[in-house]
Amino acid sequence: MSAITAHVHRFLKAARMGVFWNGTTRFDLPKQFSYNSKICSIVGPEEKSLAWVFRDIILDDEYGLNKLTRNPATVLDVGGNIGLFTLWAGVNFPQATIHVYEPNPALLHSLESNTQQVGATVFAEGVAGQDGAGAFIENGESMVGQCKVAPAGDIRLVSLRTAVERLGGSVDLLKLDCEGAEWEMFDDPEPFKAIGMIRMEYHLTRPDRSLGWMIDRLESVGFSLLKLQPNQGFGIAWFDR
């Protein structure tokens, strides 16, 4: 898609939502948007990157929610930030049960305010390879903060297995964006067997883990790579069964 085509697409989609798109450099996170006859308000910190997240998740639909071949009944959002993906999933699939996890305590108020509008359940926890404790590391704006395993840390961590069990033992759609913490989850393949679709942003933060390793890991439990959009050090990947 050319830059001009993308701009026109975003402008028209934003207008239908009651939002003014004036280009990436000038666009600010809107206070509200309308979709499927529902008006959602948005609260969050004054961070320019959150405007780009709105562009990517909602205007560009980078996780392809409008292209799913089946509507998910259960959605697990790992790395919720202020809840923009959860809001987007909630207005697209209003009957779905949604659980969202975010370990950054500074975002909890915004996350709860935003996601309560679609009936999501918020967990102020990180998701990791196993249950335990962690510490949240600030790296500037909230989108690049990281939660690390730390036995003496003050952040509760739960395994992906635990998060899946909390949703009744199966997850139709997993959204994964946790700034590199995803690698530990792949060490336990069992919970992935109970997941139907994955939409994720991967981060090449470990020298012993590669994109090919991740794809092989997921293919070994029945997933097929549907779409890959690589970038420098990270990218978007879709997996379906």
Protein backbone atom coordinates (compact mmCIF):
# COMPACT_ATOMS: atom_id res chain seq x y z
CA MET A 1 0.00 0.00 0.00
CA SER A 2 1.44 3.36 -1.02
CA ALA A 3 1.75 6.19 1.49
CA ILE A 4 -1.01 8.16 -0.26
CA THR A 5 -3.35 5.15 -0.35
CA ALA A 6 -2.67 4.44 3.34
CA HIS A 7 -3.34 8.07 4.26
CA VAL A 8 -6.66 8.11 2.39
CA HIS A 9 -7.69 4.76 3.90
CA ARG A 10 -6.92 6.01 7.43
CA PHE A 11 -8.64 9.35 6.83
CA LEU A 12 -11.85 7.70 5.62
CA LYS A 13 -11.93 5.01 8.31
CA ALA A 14 -11.19 7.54 11.04
CA ALA A 15 -13.95 9.82 9.73
CA ARG A 16 -16.48 6.98 9.98
CA MET A 17 -15.39 6.61 13.61
CA GLY A 18 -15.78 10.31 14.36
CA VAL A 19 -11.99 10.78 14.47
CA PHE A 20 -9.90 13.23 12.43
CA TRP A 21 -6.82 11.66 10.84
CA ASN A 22 -4.30 14.35 9.92
CA GLY A 23 -1.21 12.24 9.31
CA THR A 24 1.16 10.22 11.48
CA THR A 25 3.30 13.11 12.68
CA ARG A 26 0.34 15.31 13.68
CA PHE A 27 -2.16 12.71 14.87
CA ASP A 28 -2.90 12.52 18.60
CA LEU A 29 -4.62 9.75 20.51
CA PRO A 30 -8.35 10.51 20.19
CA LYS A 31 -10.51 10.90 23.26
CA GLN A 32 -13.17 8.61 21.77
CA PHE A 33 -14.19 6.67 18.69
CA SER A 34 -17.39 5.10 17.41
CA TYR A 35 -17.67 1.64 15.86
CA ASN A 36 -20.52 -0.83 15.40
CA SER A 37 -22.93 1.68 16.99
CA LYS A 38 -20.83 1.85 20.15
CA ILE A 39 -19.00 4.96 21.35
CA CYS A 40 -15.84 4.20 23.31
CA SER A 41 -13.89 6.77 25.28
CA ILE A 42 -10.11 6.53 25.60
CA VAL A 43 -7.93 7.67 28.47
CA GLY A 44 -4.17 7.31 28.67
CA PRO A 45 -0.87 9.06 29.32
CA GLU A 46 0.34 11.84 27.03
CA GLU A 47 2.55 9.67 24.84
CA LYS A 48 2.93 10.09 21.10
CA SER A 49 3.46 6.36 20.60
CA LEU A 50 -0.10 5.65 21.79
CA ALA A 51 -1.44 7.61 18.80
CA TRP A 52 0.60 5.28 16.59
CA VAL A 53 -0.82 2.26 18.42
CA PHE A 54 -4.35 3.52 17.68
CA ARG A 55 -3.33 3.90 14.04
CA ASP A 56 -1.84 0.39 13.88
CA ILE A 57 -4.42 -1.59 15.86
CA ILE A 58 -7.64 0.21 14.92
CA LEU A 59 -7.18 2.21 11.72
CA ASP A 60 -4.85 -0.31 10.03
CA ASP A 61 -6.26 -3.37 11.85
CA GLU A 62 -2.76 -4.85 11.94
CA TYR A 63 -3.96 -7.93 13.83
CA GLY A 64 -6.62 -8.61 11.21
CA LEU A 65 -9.71 -8.76 13.40
CA ASN A 66 -11.87 -7.70 10.45
CA LYS A 67 -10.45 -10.63 8.45
CA LEU A 68 -11.02 -13.47 10.91
CA THR A 69 -12.87 -16.39 9.36
CA ARG A 70 -14.61 -17.15 12.66
CA ASN A 71 -15.67 -14.96 15.56
CA PRO A 72 -13.79 -15.74 18.78
CA ALA A 73 -15.79 -16.51 21.90
CA THR A 74 -12.73 -16.10 24.13
CA VAL A 75 -9.94 -13.55 23.70
CA LEU A 76 -6.70 -13.33 25.67
CA ASP A 77 -4.80 -10.03 25.42
CA VAL A 78 -1.26 -10.39 26.78
CA GLY A 79 0.44 -7.01 27.02
CA GLY A 80 -2.65 -4.85 27.15
CA ASN A 81 -1.02 -1.45 27.75
CA ILE A 82 -4.02 0.96 27.99
CA GLY A 83 -6.35 -1.55 26.34
CA LEU A 84 -6.64 -0.42 22.71
CA PHE A 85 -6.56 -3.99 21.36
CA THR A 86 -9.10 -5.12 23.94
CA LEU A 87 -11.39 -2.22 22.98
CA TRP A 88 -11.03 -3.14 19.30
CA ALA A 89 -11.75 -6.81 20.01
CA GLY A 90 -14.71 -5.89 22.20
CA VAL A 91 -16.43 -3.72 19.60
CA ASN A 92 -15.81 -6.30 16.88
CA PHE A 93 -16.88 -9.30 18.98
CA PRO A 94 -19.28 -7.98 21.64
CA GLN A 95 -20.26 -11.48 22.77
CA ALA A 96 -16.67 -12.54 23.48
CA THR A 97 -15.22 -13.06 26.95
CA ILE A 98 -11.99 -11.06 27.09
CA HIS A 99 -9.16 -11.26 29.62
CA VAL A 100 -6.39 -8.67 29.43
CA TYR A 101 -3.01 -8.73 31.25
CA GLU A 102 -0.75 -5.74 31.88
CA PRO A 103 2.03 -5.64 34.50
CA ASN A 104 2.75 -1.88 34.41
CA PRO A 105 1.03 -0.46 37.52
CA ALA A 106 1.13 3.07 36.09
CA LEU A 107 -1.32 2.00 33.35
CA LEU A 108 -3.85 0.19 35.51
CA HIS A 109 -6.31 3.10 35.83
CA SER A 110 -6.31 3.80 32.09
CA LEU A 111 -6.57 0.10 31.25
CA GLU A 112 -9.52 -0.46 33.56
CA SER A 113 -11.32 2.69 32.41
CA ASN A 114 -10.95 1.78 28.75
CA THR A 115 -11.67 -1.93 28.87
CA GLN A 116 -14.64 -1.86 31.24
CA GLN A 117 -16.61 -0.44 28.31
CA VAL A 118 -16.46 -3.83 26.58
CA GLY A 119 -16.81 -5.93 29.73
CA ALA A 120 -13.23 -7.21 29.78
CA THR A 121 -11.59 -8.65 32.90
CA VAL A 122 -8.29 -6.95 33.80
CA PHE A 123 -5.37 -8.72 35.47
CA ALA A 124 -2.62 -6.45 36.80
CA GLU A 125 -0.11 -9.20 36.15
CA GLY A 126 2.49 -10.22 33.62
CA VAL A 127 2.39 -13.47 31.67
CA ALA A 128 5.56 -15.52 31.60
CA GLY A 129 6.82 -19.07 31.28
CA GLN A 130 5.73 -19.97 34.79
CA ASP A 131 3.97 -18.52 37.82
CA GLY A 132 6.20 -16.35 39.98
CA ALA A 133 7.29 -12.77 40.57
CA GLY A 134 8.78 -10.09 38.38
CA ALA A 135 9.88 -6.49 38.19
CA PHE A 136 8.70 -3.89 35.71
CA ILE A 137 11.45 -1.98 33.92
CA GLU A 138 10.63 1.47 32.53
CA ASN A 139 12.23 2.23 29.18
CA GLY A 140 10.75 5.62 28.45
CA GLU A 141 7.24 5.53 27.01
CA SER A 142 4.94 2.78 28.23
CA MET A 143 4.94 0.85 24.95
CA VAL A 144 8.54 -0.27 25.44
CA GLY A 145 8.44 -1.12 29.15
CA GLN A 146 9.42 -4.69 30.02
CA CYS A 147 8.54 -7.10 32.80
CA LYS A 148 11.40 -9.37 33.84
CA VAL A 149 11.38 -12.44 36.06
CA ALA A 150 12.64 -11.38 39.50
CA PRO A 151 12.07 -13.62 42.56
CA ALA A 152 12.02 -10.58 44.85
CA GLY A 153 9.98 -8.44 42.49
CA ASP A 154 6.65 -6.82 43.31
CA ILE A 155 4.84 -7.78 40.07
CA ARG A 156 2.86 -11.01 39.99
CA LEU A 157 3.61 -13.24 37.02
CA VAL A 158 1.40 -16.07 35.82
CA SER A 159 2.17 -18.69 33.23
CA LEU A 160 0.39 -18.79 29.90
CA ARG A 161 -1.03 -22.10 31.10
CA THR A 162 -2.66 -20.32 34.06
CA ALA A 163 -4.03 -17.53 31.85
CA VAL A 164 -5.60 -20.10 29.51
CA GLU A 165 -7.11 -22.02 32.43
CA ARG A 166 -8.72 -18.83 33.72
CA LEU A 167 -10.59 -18.57 30.42
CA GLY A 168 -12.02 -22.03 30.87
CA GLY A 169 -9.16 -24.03 29.38
CA SER A 170 -9.33 -22.80 25.79
CA VAL A 171 -8.65 -19.53 23.98
CA ASP A 172 -10.01 -18.77 20.54
CA LEU A 173 -7.77 -15.74 19.95
CA LEU A 174 -4.48 -14.88 21.66
CA LYS A 175 -2.98 -11.44 21.11
CA LEU A 176 0.62 -11.33 22.27
CA ASP A 177 2.72 -8.16 22.58
CA CYS A 178 4.96 -8.11 25.63
CA GLU A 179 8.27 -6.64 24.44
CA GLY A 180 10.30 -9.86 24.40
CA ALA A 181 8.72 -11.67 27.36
CA GLU A 182 7.01 -13.99 24.88
CA TRP A 183 10.02 -16.27 24.50
CA GLU A 184 9.67 -17.89 27.92
CA MET A 185 6.07 -18.84 27.10
CA PHE A 186 7.19 -20.95 24.14
CA ASP A 187 9.19 -23.21 26.46
CA ASP A 188 5.89 -24.83 27.49
CA PRO A 189 4.03 -25.98 24.36
CA GLU A 190 0.98 -27.37 26.19
CA PRO A 191 -1.10 -24.17 26.56
CA PHE A 192 -0.63 -23.38 22.88
CA LYS A 193 -2.51 -26.58 22.06
CA ALA A 194 -5.62 -24.96 23.60
CA ILE A 195 -5.34 -21.79 21.47
CA GLY A 196 -7.05 -21.40 18.11
CA MET A 197 -5.52 -18.25 16.60
CA ILE A 198 -2.52 -16.09 17.47
CA ARG A 199 -1.93 -12.48 16.51
CA MET A 200 1.36 -11.19 17.86
CA GLU A 201 4.16 -8.68 17.74
CA TYR A 202 7.41 -10.60 18.19
CA HIS A 203 10.66 -9.08 19.44
CA LEU A 204 14.08 -10.46 18.56
CA THR A 205 15.61 -9.73 21.95
CA ARG A 206 17.39 -13.04 22.64
CA PRO A 207 20.40 -14.36 20.72
CA ASP A 208 19.27 -17.95 21.35
CA ARG A 209 15.79 -17.39 19.87
CA SER A 210 14.99 -16.54 16.26
CA LEU A 211 11.92 -16.00 14.14
CA GLY A 212 12.48 -19.39 12.54
CA TRP A 213 12.67 -21.03 15.97
CA MET A 214 9.34 -19.49 16.95
CA ILE A 215 7.64 -20.55 13.72
CA ASP A 216 8.93 -24.12 14.10
CA ARG A 217 7.75 -24.19 17.72
CA LEU A 218 4.22 -23.15 16.79
CA GLU A 219 4.05 -25.40 13.75
CA SER A 220 4.96 -28.33 16.00
CA VAL A 221 1.70 -27.82 17.94
CA GLY A 222 -0.48 -27.45 14.87
CA PHE A 223 -0.27 -23.79 13.81
CA SER A 224 0.37 -22.50 10.31
CA LEU A 225 1.92 -19.12 9.58
CA LEU A 226 -0.73 -17.01 7.90
CA LYS A 227 1.03 -13.65 7.62
CA LEU A 228 4.46 -12.27 8.43
CA GLN A 229 5.36 -8.60 8.45
CA PRO A 230 9.00 -8.29 9.59
CA ASN A 231 10.66 -5.08 10.72
CA GLN A 232 14.03 -4.30 12.28
CA GLY A 233 14.22 -6.39 15.43
CA PHE A 234 10.49 -7.02 15.65
CA GLY A 235 7.47 -7.74 13.49
CA ILE A 236 3.87 -8.86 13.21
CA ALA A 237 2.93 -12.52 12.79
CA TRP A 238 -0.44 -14.24 12.40
CA PHE A 239 -0.91 -17.94 13.09
CA ASP A 240 -4.04 -20.04 12.57
CA ARG A 241 -4.93 -23.70 12.79
